[in-house]
Amino acid sequence: MEELKEKLKVQLIAQLNLEDITPEDINSSDPLFGEGLGLDSIDALEIIVLLQKEYGIKIEDTKKGKEIFQSIDTLAAYITENRK
């Protein structure tokens, strides 16, 4: 699980062009949206694309998306349970 979290951090930085952020800057339990990384709805769409492309996971329910995208921890847990 820790390996997946580190991989996700690298993937998010690349996918979202987070230029001034390193994986070490991201705490796995910090919120991805709002005060944490400060991501927005366009970033959420990019994450959805990443999950489909890299892990074969489709997120169709926006309420579920909000739960899944809370932090690196929740994202990694969801991927672990639902990876194809």
N, C-alpha and C. Protein backbone atom coordinates (compact mmCIF):
# COMPACT_ATOMS: atom_id res chain seq x y z
N MET A 1 0.83 -1.20 0.00
CA MET A 1 0.00 0.00 0.00
C MET A 1 0.87 1.26 0.00
N GLU A 2 1.96 1.26 0.76
CA GLU A 2 2.84 2.45 0.78
C GLU A 2 3.44 2.71 -0.60
N GLU A 3 3.80 1.63 -1.29
CA GLU A 3 4.36 1.76 -2.62
C GLU A 3 3.35 2.39 -3.58
N LEU A 4 2.09 1.98 -3.45
CA LEU A 4 1.02 2.54 -4.28
C LEU A 4 0.84 4.03 -3.97
N LYS A 5 0.88 4.38 -2.70
CA LYS A 5 0.72 5.79 -2.32
C LYS A 5 1.82 6.65 -2.93
N GLU A 6 3.05 6.16 -2.88
CA GLU A 6 4.17 6.92 -3.47
C GLU A 6 4.00 7.04 -4.99
N LYS A 7 3.56 5.96 -5.62
CA LYS A 7 3.33 5.97 -7.07
C LYS A 7 2.23 6.97 -7.42
N LEU A 8 1.17 6.99 -6.62
CA LEU A 8 0.06 7.93 -6.85
C LEU A 8 0.53 9.38 -6.74
N LYS A 9 1.37 9.66 -5.77
CA LYS A 9 1.89 11.02 -5.60
C LYS A 9 2.64 11.46 -6.86
N VAL A 10 3.51 10.58 -7.37
CA VAL A 10 4.27 10.88 -8.58
C VAL A 10 3.33 11.07 -9.76
N GLN A 11 2.34 10.18 -9.88
CA GLN A 11 1.39 10.26 -11.00
C GLN A 11 0.57 11.54 -10.94
N LEU A 12 0.12 11.91 -9.75
CA LEU A 12 -0.67 13.14 -9.62
C LEU A 12 0.15 14.37 -9.97
N ILE A 13 1.37 14.41 -9.50
CA ILE A 13 2.25 15.55 -9.82
C ILE A 13 2.42 15.67 -11.33
N ALA A 14 2.64 14.55 -12.01
CA ALA A 14 2.84 14.56 -13.47
C ALA A 14 1.53 14.91 -14.19
N GLN A 15 0.45 14.24 -13.82
CA GLN A 15 -0.84 14.42 -14.50
C GLN A 15 -1.37 15.84 -14.35
N LEU A 16 -1.16 16.43 -13.16
CA LEU A 16 -1.75 17.75 -12.87
C LEU A 16 -0.74 18.89 -13.04
N ASN A 17 0.45 18.56 -13.51
CA ASN A 17 1.50 19.57 -13.71
C ASN A 17 1.76 20.40 -12.45
N LEU A 18 1.91 19.73 -11.33
CA LEU A 18 2.18 20.41 -10.05
C LEU A 18 3.68 20.67 -9.96
N GLU A 19 4.13 21.75 -10.58
CA GLU A 19 5.55 22.00 -10.79
C GLU A 19 6.38 22.18 -9.53
N ASP A 20 5.85 22.84 -8.53
CA ASP A 20 6.66 23.16 -7.35
C ASP A 20 6.47 22.17 -6.22
N ILE A 21 5.88 21.01 -6.51
CA ILE A 21 5.58 20.03 -5.47
C ILE A 21 6.34 18.73 -5.75
N THR A 22 6.92 18.16 -4.70
CA THR A 22 7.57 16.85 -4.80
C THR A 22 6.72 15.84 -4.05
N PRO A 23 6.90 14.54 -4.31
CA PRO A 23 6.14 13.54 -3.56
C PRO A 23 6.31 13.69 -2.04
N GLU A 24 7.49 14.12 -1.62
CA GLU A 24 7.75 14.29 -0.19
C GLU A 24 6.91 15.42 0.42
N ASP A 25 6.47 16.36 -0.42
CA ASP A 25 5.65 17.48 0.05
C ASP A 25 4.22 17.07 0.34
N ILE A 26 3.81 15.92 -0.18
CA ILE A 26 2.42 15.49 -0.05
C ILE A 26 2.29 14.50 1.10
N ASN A 27 1.50 14.87 2.10
CA ASN A 27 1.20 13.97 3.20
C ASN A 27 0.02 13.11 2.76
N SER A 28 0.14 11.81 2.90
CA SER A 28 -0.90 10.88 2.41
C SER A 28 -2.27 11.12 3.01
N SER A 29 -2.34 11.71 4.20
CA SER A 29 -3.64 11.93 4.84
C SER A 29 -4.18 13.34 4.62
N ASP A 30 -3.39 14.22 3.99
CA ASP A 30 -3.85 15.59 3.73
C ASP A 30 -4.95 15.60 2.67
N PRO A 31 -5.89 16.55 2.80
CA PRO A 31 -6.93 16.66 1.77
C PRO A 31 -6.32 17.02 0.42
N LEU A 32 -6.86 16.44 -0.64
CA LEU A 32 -6.39 16.77 -1.99
C LEU A 32 -7.01 18.08 -2.46
N PHE A 33 -8.23 18.35 -2.01
CA PHE A 33 -8.95 19.56 -2.43
C PHE A 33 -9.05 20.53 -1.26
N GLY A 34 -9.25 21.81 -1.57
CA GLY A 34 -9.36 22.80 -0.51
C GLY A 34 -8.00 23.11 0.08
N GLU A 35 -7.89 23.03 1.40
CA GLU A 35 -6.68 23.45 2.09
C GLU A 35 -5.45 22.58 1.85
N GLY A 36 -5.64 21.32 1.53
CA GLY A 36 -4.50 20.43 1.32
C GLY A 36 -3.70 20.83 0.09
N LEU A 37 -3.84 20.07 -0.99
CA LEU A 37 -3.13 20.38 -2.24
C LEU A 37 -3.80 21.52 -3.01
N GLY A 38 -5.05 21.82 -2.65
CA GLY A 38 -5.75 22.91 -3.31
C GLY A 38 -6.22 22.58 -4.72
N LEU A 39 -6.53 21.31 -4.97
CA LEU A 39 -6.99 20.90 -6.29
C LEU A 39 -8.41 21.40 -6.52
N ASP A 40 -8.82 21.46 -7.80
CA ASP A 40 -10.16 21.92 -8.14
C ASP A 40 -10.89 20.87 -8.99
N SER A 41 -12.07 21.23 -9.50
CA SER A 41 -12.90 20.27 -10.22
C SER A 41 -12.25 19.80 -11.52
N ILE A 42 -11.47 20.65 -12.17
CA ILE A 42 -10.77 20.23 -13.38
C ILE A 42 -9.71 19.18 -13.03
N ASP A 43 -9.05 19.38 -11.89
CA ASP A 43 -8.08 18.38 -11.41
C ASP A 43 -8.78 17.05 -11.13
N ALA A 44 -10.00 17.11 -10.60
CA ALA A 44 -10.76 15.89 -10.32
C ALA A 44 -10.99 15.10 -11.61
N LEU A 45 -11.31 15.81 -12.69
CA LEU A 45 -11.50 15.13 -13.98
C LEU A 45 -10.21 14.47 -14.44
N GLU A 46 -9.10 15.15 -14.23
CA GLU A 46 -7.79 14.59 -14.60
C GLU A 46 -7.50 13.31 -13.80
N ILE A 47 -7.86 13.32 -12.52
CA ILE A 47 -7.65 12.15 -11.67
C ILE A 47 -8.52 10.99 -12.16
N ILE A 48 -9.76 11.29 -12.57
CA ILE A 48 -10.65 10.26 -13.10
C ILE A 48 -10.03 9.62 -14.34
N VAL A 49 -9.48 10.45 -15.22
CA VAL A 49 -8.80 9.93 -16.44
C VAL A 49 -7.62 9.05 -16.04
N LEU A 50 -6.83 9.51 -15.09
CA LEU A 50 -5.68 8.75 -14.60
C LEU A 50 -6.11 7.37 -14.08
N LEU A 51 -7.17 7.33 -13.27
CA LEU A 51 -7.65 6.07 -12.70
C LEU A 51 -8.11 5.11 -13.79
N GLN A 52 -8.79 5.65 -14.80
CA GLN A 52 -9.25 4.79 -15.90
C GLN A 52 -8.07 4.24 -16.69
N LYS A 53 -7.13 5.12 -17.02
CA LYS A 53 -6.00 4.74 -17.86
C LYS A 53 -5.03 3.79 -17.15
N GLU A 54 -4.68 4.12 -15.92
CA GLU A 54 -3.64 3.36 -15.20
C GLU A 54 -4.17 2.13 -14.45
N TYR A 55 -5.40 2.22 -13.96
CA TYR A 55 -5.89 1.16 -13.05
C TYR A 55 -7.18 0.49 -13.52
N GLY A 56 -7.74 0.93 -14.65
CA GLY A 56 -8.97 0.32 -15.15
C GLY A 56 -10.17 0.59 -14.27
N ILE A 57 -10.16 1.71 -13.56
CA ILE A 57 -11.24 2.03 -12.63
C ILE A 57 -12.06 3.19 -13.19
N LYS A 58 -13.39 2.98 -13.25
CA LYS A 58 -14.30 4.05 -13.68
C LYS A 58 -15.07 4.55 -12.47
N ILE A 59 -15.14 5.87 -12.34
CA ILE A 59 -15.92 6.47 -11.25
C ILE A 59 -17.05 7.23 -11.90
N GLU A 60 -18.26 6.74 -11.70
CA GLU A 60 -19.42 7.36 -12.34
C GLU A 60 -20.28 8.13 -11.35
N ASP A 61 -20.20 7.82 -10.08
CA ASP A 61 -21.00 8.48 -9.06
C ASP A 61 -20.18 9.61 -8.43
N THR A 62 -20.62 10.86 -8.63
CA THR A 62 -19.83 11.99 -8.12
C THR A 62 -19.75 12.02 -6.60
N LYS A 63 -20.79 11.54 -5.92
CA LYS A 63 -20.73 11.50 -4.45
C LYS A 63 -19.64 10.54 -3.99
N LYS A 64 -19.56 9.41 -4.66
CA LYS A 64 -18.52 8.43 -4.34
C LYS A 64 -17.14 9.02 -4.66
N GLY A 65 -17.04 9.76 -5.75
CA GLY A 65 -15.80 10.43 -6.11
C GLY A 65 -15.29 11.33 -5.02
N LYS A 66 -16.20 12.07 -4.39
CA LYS A 66 -15.79 12.97 -3.30
C LYS A 66 -15.17 12.19 -2.15
N GLU A 67 -15.73 11.03 -1.85
CA GLU A 67 -15.18 10.19 -0.78
C GLU A 67 -13.81 9.64 -1.18
N ILE A 68 -13.72 9.14 -2.41
CA ILE A 68 -12.50 8.51 -2.89
C ILE A 68 -11.35 9.52 -2.98
N PHE A 69 -11.66 10.74 -3.40
CA PHE A 69 -10.64 11.76 -3.65
C PHE A 69 -10.29 12.60 -2.42
N GLN A 70 -10.65 12.16 -1.24
CA GLN A 70 -10.34 12.95 -0.03
C GLN A 70 -8.85 13.11 0.19
N SER A 71 -8.10 12.04 -0.01
CA SER A 71 -6.66 12.07 0.27
C SER A 71 -5.97 10.96 -0.53
N ILE A 72 -4.66 10.95 -0.48
CA ILE A 72 -3.90 9.86 -1.10
C ILE A 72 -4.29 8.54 -0.42
N ASP A 73 -4.49 8.57 0.90
CA ASP A 73 -4.87 7.35 1.63
C ASP A 73 -6.16 6.76 1.10
N THR A 74 -7.21 7.60 0.93
CA THR A 74 -8.50 7.08 0.47
C THR A 74 -8.43 6.64 -0.99
N LEU A 75 -7.64 7.34 -1.79
CA LEU A 75 -7.46 6.99 -3.20
C LEU A 75 -6.76 5.63 -3.32
N ALA A 76 -5.70 5.43 -2.56
CA ALA A 76 -4.95 4.17 -2.60
C ALA A 76 -5.82 3.00 -2.12
N ALA A 77 -6.61 3.23 -1.08
CA ALA A 77 -7.49 2.17 -0.57
C ALA A 77 -8.51 1.77 -1.63
N TYR A 78 -9.08 2.75 -2.30
CA TYR A 78 -10.08 2.47 -3.34
C TYR A 78 -9.45 1.70 -4.51
N ILE A 79 -8.29 2.13 -4.92
CA ILE A 79 -7.59 1.44 -6.02
C ILE A 79 -7.29 0.00 -5.64
N THR A 80 -6.81 -0.22 -4.43
CA THR A 80 -6.48 -1.56 -3.96
C THR A 80 -7.71 -2.47 -4.00
N GLU A 81 -8.87 -1.93 -3.61
CA GLU A 81 -10.11 -2.73 -3.59
C GLU A 81 -10.70 -2.96 -4.96
N ASN A 82 -10.48 -2.03 -5.90
CA ASN A 82 -11.22 -2.05 -7.16
C ASN A 82 -10.38 -2.21 -8.42
N ARG A 83 -9.08 -2.36 -8.28
CA ARG A 83 -8.19 -2.47 -9.44
C ARG A 83 -8.58 -3.65 -10.31
N LYS A 84 -8.51 -3.44 -11.63
CA LYS A 84 -8.89 -4.51 -12.57
C LYS A 84 -7.64 -5.17 -13.14
